[in-house]
Amino acid sequence: MEDKKIIYYENELVDEFSSAKIEAITIDEGYPYFHHSFWEFCSFCIQNIFSMPIKYWYAKLKFHIQYVGREKLKECKNSGYFMYVNHTQEFADTFIPSLANYPKRNFFIVNPANVSMKGLKKLVPLLGAIPVPGSLKAARNFIDILKKRIQKKQSITIYPEAHIWPYYTKIRPFKDTSFKYPVEFGVPIFTITNTYHQGRKAGEVKMISYIDGPFYPSKNLTKKEAQKELRNKAYQTMTERSKESTYEHIVYVKKEGGKE
């Protein structure tokens, strides 16, 4: 029998199980969310040309990845949109959505820690990372860059669970905060639910990623109500899809007395 790793958790909303321990910088008004045209050209080449073979073969060789529902993205090929994905991989999560909607250029809303790594803080933004702001002035620039990406008919990926739980097979509760962006911009969202399955060999994992949508923000509700409705639709869809998982590579056990 396979000896599985067990992780004990207390709180699904705040516990983090990423192996990377990085001291995050503060994203203030001086952070360069906007760049000149040559930077944009280099970013496009790195995102959609040079890194694509690495992304493709890593996903195929490590996870034997399979997408279900990829054709749904074509409905919005001529518009920008947001993708909401469960957060279960440290490295692969950065390109699973990008592979799904290629050749549309994809960006990611990330924790500031992702752009704080020595030697990589310049490369990560080139690959599409957009860090969460740490001040009101920075927040204005942050909203403006999201708006620019959507206007350019690009996609933006969000991990609403916020914290990485490797190989977790369920959907953790998440807030509706990040759903204000599609409501504000009046654009649709898609969900991508990564599920796990036994590979051909013991301990080998196969990933099947289910794509659902598009889901549009309601125009008959207030912005707050539409935001909540969109969050609930995404959560319900991802929760149902997560039931397709048939294999636990890592077992998660709640500690006695842990918070709900």
Protein backbone atom coordinates (compact mmCIF):
# COMPACT_ATOMS: atom_id res chain seq x y z
CA MET A 1 0.00 0.00 0.00
CA GLU A 2 1.09 3.55 -0.70
CA ASP A 3 2.37 5.53 2.28
CA LYS A 4 0.61 8.88 1.96
CA LYS A 5 1.69 12.16 3.46
CA ILE A 6 -0.71 13.59 6.05
CA ILE A 7 -1.12 17.31 6.67
CA TYR A 8 -2.97 18.58 9.72
CA TYR A 9 -4.74 21.92 9.42
CA GLU A 10 -6.68 24.27 11.70
CA ASN A 11 -8.30 26.94 9.54
CA GLU A 12 -9.19 26.53 5.87
CA LEU A 13 -9.22 30.30 5.32
CA VAL A 14 -5.72 31.16 6.56
CA ASP A 15 -3.52 28.03 6.74
CA GLU A 16 -0.71 28.01 4.16
CA PHE A 17 1.24 24.90 3.10
CA SER A 18 3.59 26.30 0.49
CA SER A 19 7.18 25.18 1.00
CA ALA A 20 8.47 28.62 -0.03
CA LYS A 21 9.20 30.98 2.86
CA ILE A 22 9.63 34.47 1.42
CA GLU A 23 9.59 37.84 3.13
CA ALA A 24 7.18 39.88 1.03
CA ILE A 25 7.90 43.43 -0.03
CA THR A 26 5.27 46.15 0.33
CA ILE A 27 3.63 47.09 -2.95
CA ASP A 28 3.32 50.88 -2.70
CA GLU A 29 2.61 53.65 -5.21
CA GLY A 30 6.13 53.32 -6.59
CA TYR A 31 5.61 49.77 -7.81
CA PRO A 32 5.80 49.67 -11.66
CA TYR A 33 2.49 48.16 -12.70
CA PHE A 34 2.81 49.87 -16.10
CA HIS A 35 5.72 49.42 -18.50
CA HIS A 36 7.03 50.71 -21.80
CA SER A 37 6.31 48.99 -25.12
CA PHE A 38 9.63 47.11 -25.28
CA TRP A 39 8.97 45.57 -21.85
CA GLU A 40 5.51 44.53 -23.06
CA PHE A 41 7.04 42.93 -26.15
CA CYS A 42 9.57 41.00 -24.06
CA SER A 43 6.82 39.93 -21.66
CA PHE A 44 4.69 38.64 -24.53
CA CYS A 45 7.63 36.64 -25.93
CA ILE A 46 8.46 35.12 -22.54
CA GLN A 47 4.81 34.38 -21.67
CA ASN A 48 3.49 33.07 -24.95
CA ILE A 49 6.53 31.84 -26.89
CA PHE A 50 9.67 30.92 -24.96
CA SER A 51 8.04 29.51 -21.81
CA MET A 52 5.23 27.61 -23.53
CA PRO A 53 7.19 24.42 -24.33
CA ILE A 54 8.32 24.23 -20.68
CA LYS A 55 4.77 24.71 -19.43
CA TYR A 56 3.34 22.17 -21.85
CA TRP A 57 5.85 19.38 -21.23
CA TYR A 58 5.92 19.89 -17.46
CA ALA A 59 2.13 19.56 -17.32
CA LYS A 60 2.13 16.53 -19.61
CA LEU A 61 5.02 14.65 -18.03
CA LYS A 62 4.26 15.37 -14.37
CA PHE A 63 0.46 15.39 -14.38
CA HIS A 64 -0.60 13.88 -17.72
CA ILE A 65 -2.93 16.87 -17.72
CA GLN A 66 -6.28 16.75 -19.48
CA TYR A 67 -8.68 19.67 -19.98
CA VAL A 68 -12.44 19.18 -20.06
CA GLY A 69 -14.55 22.05 -21.39
CA ARG A 70 -11.74 24.00 -22.99
CA GLU A 71 -14.01 24.86 -25.92
CA LYS A 72 -16.12 27.04 -23.59
CA LEU A 73 -13.38 29.67 -23.54
CA LYS A 74 -13.89 30.26 -27.26
CA GLU A 75 -17.19 31.98 -26.54
CA CYS A 76 -15.23 34.90 -25.09
CA LYS A 77 -12.17 34.83 -27.34
CA ASN A 78 -12.89 38.40 -28.42
CA SER A 79 -13.20 39.83 -24.92
CA GLY A 80 -11.29 39.96 -21.67
CA TYR A 81 -12.35 37.79 -18.73
CA PHE A 82 -11.34 36.47 -15.32
CA MET A 83 -10.54 32.86 -14.45
CA TYR A 84 -10.96 31.53 -10.90
CA VAL A 85 -8.88 28.45 -10.06
CA ASN A 86 -8.39 26.26 -6.99
CA HIS A 87 -4.91 26.72 -5.52
CA THR A 88 -3.26 23.29 -5.24
CA GLN A 89 0.18 23.57 -6.88
CA GLU A 90 3.15 25.82 -6.17
CA PHE A 91 4.61 25.77 -9.68
CA ALA A 92 1.99 24.31 -12.01
CA ASP A 93 -0.73 26.76 -10.93
CA THR A 94 1.21 29.50 -12.71
CA PHE A 95 0.61 27.98 -16.12
CA ILE A 96 -2.39 25.62 -16.04
CA PRO A 97 -4.79 28.49 -16.93
CA SER A 98 -2.34 29.86 -19.53
CA LEU A 99 -2.21 26.52 -21.31
CA ALA A 100 -5.99 26.29 -21.23
CA ASN A 101 -6.67 29.58 -22.99
CA TYR A 102 -3.59 29.86 -25.20
CA PRO A 103 -2.95 31.92 -27.34
CA LYS A 104 -4.82 34.55 -25.29
CA ARG A 105 -2.31 36.28 -23.05
CA ASN A 106 -2.94 35.48 -19.39
CA PHE A 107 -2.05 37.39 -16.21
CA PHE A 108 -2.20 36.43 -12.52
CA ILE A 109 -3.14 38.34 -9.40
CA VAL A 110 -0.54 37.21 -6.87
CA ASN A 111 0.65 37.71 -3.31
CA PRO A 112 3.52 40.25 -3.08
CA ALA A 113 5.79 37.38 -1.98
CA ASN A 114 5.78 36.18 -5.58
CA VAL A 115 7.57 39.32 -6.76
CA SER A 116 9.90 39.50 -3.75
CA MET A 117 12.25 36.62 -4.57
CA LYS A 118 15.87 37.60 -5.15
CA GLY A 119 16.90 36.97 -8.72
CA LEU A 120 13.30 36.42 -9.84
CA LYS A 121 11.56 39.68 -8.93
CA LYS A 122 12.13 40.98 -12.48
CA LEU A 123 11.21 37.75 -14.26
CA VAL A 124 7.96 36.95 -12.43
CA PRO A 125 6.16 40.14 -13.61
CA LEU A 126 7.38 39.42 -17.15
CA LEU A 127 5.58 36.07 -16.85
CA GLY A 128 2.34 37.85 -16.00
CA ALA A 129 2.28 38.35 -12.22
CA ILE A 130 0.30 41.33 -10.92
CA PRO A 131 0.88 41.71 -7.15
CA VAL A 132 -1.85 42.80 -4.74
CA PRO A 133 -1.30 46.42 -3.64
CA GLY A 134 -0.34 47.42 -0.11
CA SER A 135 -1.60 51.01 -0.11
CA LEU A 136 -4.51 53.07 -1.41
CA LYS A 137 -2.34 54.87 -3.98
CA ALA A 138 -0.98 51.56 -5.23
CA ALA A 139 -4.54 50.22 -5.36
CA ARG A 140 -5.48 52.82 -7.97
CA ASN A 141 -2.61 51.70 -10.19
CA PHE A 142 -3.57 48.07 -9.57
CA ILE A 143 -7.16 48.64 -10.73
CA ASP A 144 -5.92 50.56 -13.75
CA ILE A 145 -3.62 47.74 -14.89
CA LEU A 146 -6.43 45.19 -14.50
CA LYS A 147 -8.67 47.44 -16.58
CA LYS A 148 -5.97 47.76 -19.23
CA ARG A 149 -5.53 43.98 -19.48
CA ILE A 150 -9.28 43.44 -19.82
CA GLN A 151 -9.58 46.18 -22.44
CA LYS A 152 -6.83 44.45 -24.42
CA LYS A 153 -9.00 41.28 -24.40
CA GLN A 154 -6.55 39.43 -22.17
CA SER A 155 -7.41 37.12 -19.27
CA ILE A 156 -6.66 37.48 -15.58
CA THR A 157 -6.39 34.50 -13.25
CA ILE A 158 -7.35 34.67 -9.59
CA TYR A 159 -6.92 32.04 -6.87
CA PRO A 160 -9.81 32.91 -4.52
CA GLU A 161 -8.66 30.41 -1.88
CA ALA A 162 -5.49 32.57 -1.59
CA HIS A 163 -3.34 29.89 0.09
CA ILE A 164 -1.66 26.85 -1.46
CA TRP A 165 -2.76 23.41 -0.30
CA PRO A 166 -0.83 20.93 -2.47
CA TYR A 167 -3.01 18.25 -4.09
CA TYR A 168 -6.07 19.17 -2.02
CA THR A 169 -9.16 17.58 -3.55
CA LYS A 170 -11.91 19.81 -2.14
CA ILE A 171 -12.74 23.50 -2.46
CA ARG A 172 -11.99 25.64 0.56
CA PRO A 173 -14.32 28.50 1.55
CA PHE A 174 -13.38 31.81 -0.02
CA LYS A 175 -14.59 35.38 0.22
CA ASP A 176 -16.30 37.40 -2.50
CA THR A 177 -13.71 40.21 -2.45
CA SER A 178 -12.01 39.31 -5.74
CA PHE A 179 -15.31 39.08 -7.57
CA LYS A 180 -15.70 42.85 -7.50
CA TYR A 181 -13.38 43.11 -10.52
CA PRO A 182 -15.55 41.34 -13.11
CA VAL A 183 -18.58 43.19 -11.73
CA GLU A 184 -16.79 46.53 -11.99
CA PHE A 185 -15.59 45.87 -15.54
CA GLY A 186 -18.77 44.11 -16.68
CA VAL A 187 -16.97 41.01 -17.99
CA PRO A 188 -17.57 37.26 -17.57
CA ILE A 189 -15.71 34.75 -15.46
CA PHE A 190 -14.73 31.13 -15.94
CA THR A 191 -13.82 28.58 -13.30
CA ILE A 192 -11.07 26.00 -13.62
CA THR A 193 -11.24 23.16 -11.12
CA ASN A 194 -8.17 20.95 -10.94
CA THR A 195 -9.02 17.40 -9.89
CA TYR A 196 -6.69 14.53 -9.01
CA HIS A 197 -6.67 10.92 -10.13
CA GLN A 198 -4.47 7.84 -9.78
CA GLY A 199 -1.88 7.56 -12.52
CA ARG A 200 -0.72 4.33 -14.11
CA LYS A 201 1.94 3.76 -11.46
CA ALA A 202 1.68 3.81 -7.67
CA GLY A 203 2.05 7.35 -6.39
CA GLU A 204 1.66 8.81 -9.89
CA VAL A 205 -0.90 11.59 -10.20
CA LYS A 206 -3.07 12.54 -13.15
CA MET A 207 -4.73 15.94 -13.26
CA ILE A 208 -8.02 16.66 -15.01
CA SER A 209 -8.92 20.36 -15.18
CA TYR A 210 -12.60 21.18 -15.64
CA ILE A 211 -13.48 24.50 -17.26
CA ASP A 212 -16.92 26.00 -16.65
CA GLY A 213 -18.59 29.22 -17.75
CA PRO A 214 -18.86 31.83 -18.90
CA PHE A 215 -20.75 33.29 -15.95
CA TYR A 216 -21.77 36.91 -16.30
CA PRO A 217 -22.33 39.43 -13.50
CA SER A 218 -25.99 40.32 -13.11
CA LYS A 219 -27.06 43.75 -14.32
CA ASN A 220 -30.27 43.58 -12.28
CA LEU A 221 -28.55 43.61 -8.89
CA THR A 222 -26.48 46.13 -6.99
CA LYS A 223 -22.72 45.73 -7.42
CA LYS A 224 -22.41 44.17 -3.98
CA GLU A 225 -25.22 41.72 -4.67
CA ALA A 226 -23.84 40.84 -8.10
CA GLN A 227 -20.41 40.30 -6.55
CA LYS A 228 -21.83 37.90 -3.97
CA GLU A 229 -23.95 36.08 -6.56
CA LEU A 230 -20.94 35.58 -8.84
CA ARG A 231 -18.87 34.27 -5.94
CA ASN A 232 -21.58 31.79 -4.99
CA LYS A 233 -21.90 30.58 -8.57
CA ALA A 234 -18.14 30.03 -8.81
CA TYR A 235 -17.96 28.30 -5.43
CA GLN A 236 -20.88 25.98 -6.16
CA THR A 237 -19.52 25.09 -9.59
CA MET A 238 -16.03 24.37 -8.30
CA THR A 239 -17.35 22.38 -5.36
CA GLU A 240 -19.40 20.15 -7.67
CA ARG A 241 -16.47 19.68 -10.05
CA SER A 242 -14.09 18.84 -7.21
CA LYS A 243 -16.19 15.74 -6.53
CA GLU A 244 -14.69 14.30 -9.72
CA SER A 245 -11.39 13.77 -7.85
CA THR A 246 -10.80 10.09 -7.19
CA TYR A 247 -7.36 10.07 -5.60
CA GLU A 248 -5.81 11.73 -2.53
CA HIS A 249 -2.07 12.12 -3.03
CA ILE A 250 -1.87 14.02 0.28
CA VAL A 251 -4.38 13.46 3.07
CA TYR A 252 -5.61 16.56 4.93
CA VAL A 253 -6.90 16.09 8.47
CA LYS A 254 -8.46 18.80 10.60
CA LYS A 255 -6.93 19.22 14.04
CA GLU A 256 -9.22 18.76 16.98
CA GLY A 257 -10.63 22.14 17.90
CA GLY A 258 -9.71 23.66 14.55
CA LYS A 259 -11.74 26.62 13.31
CA GLU A 260 -14.57 26.15 10.83
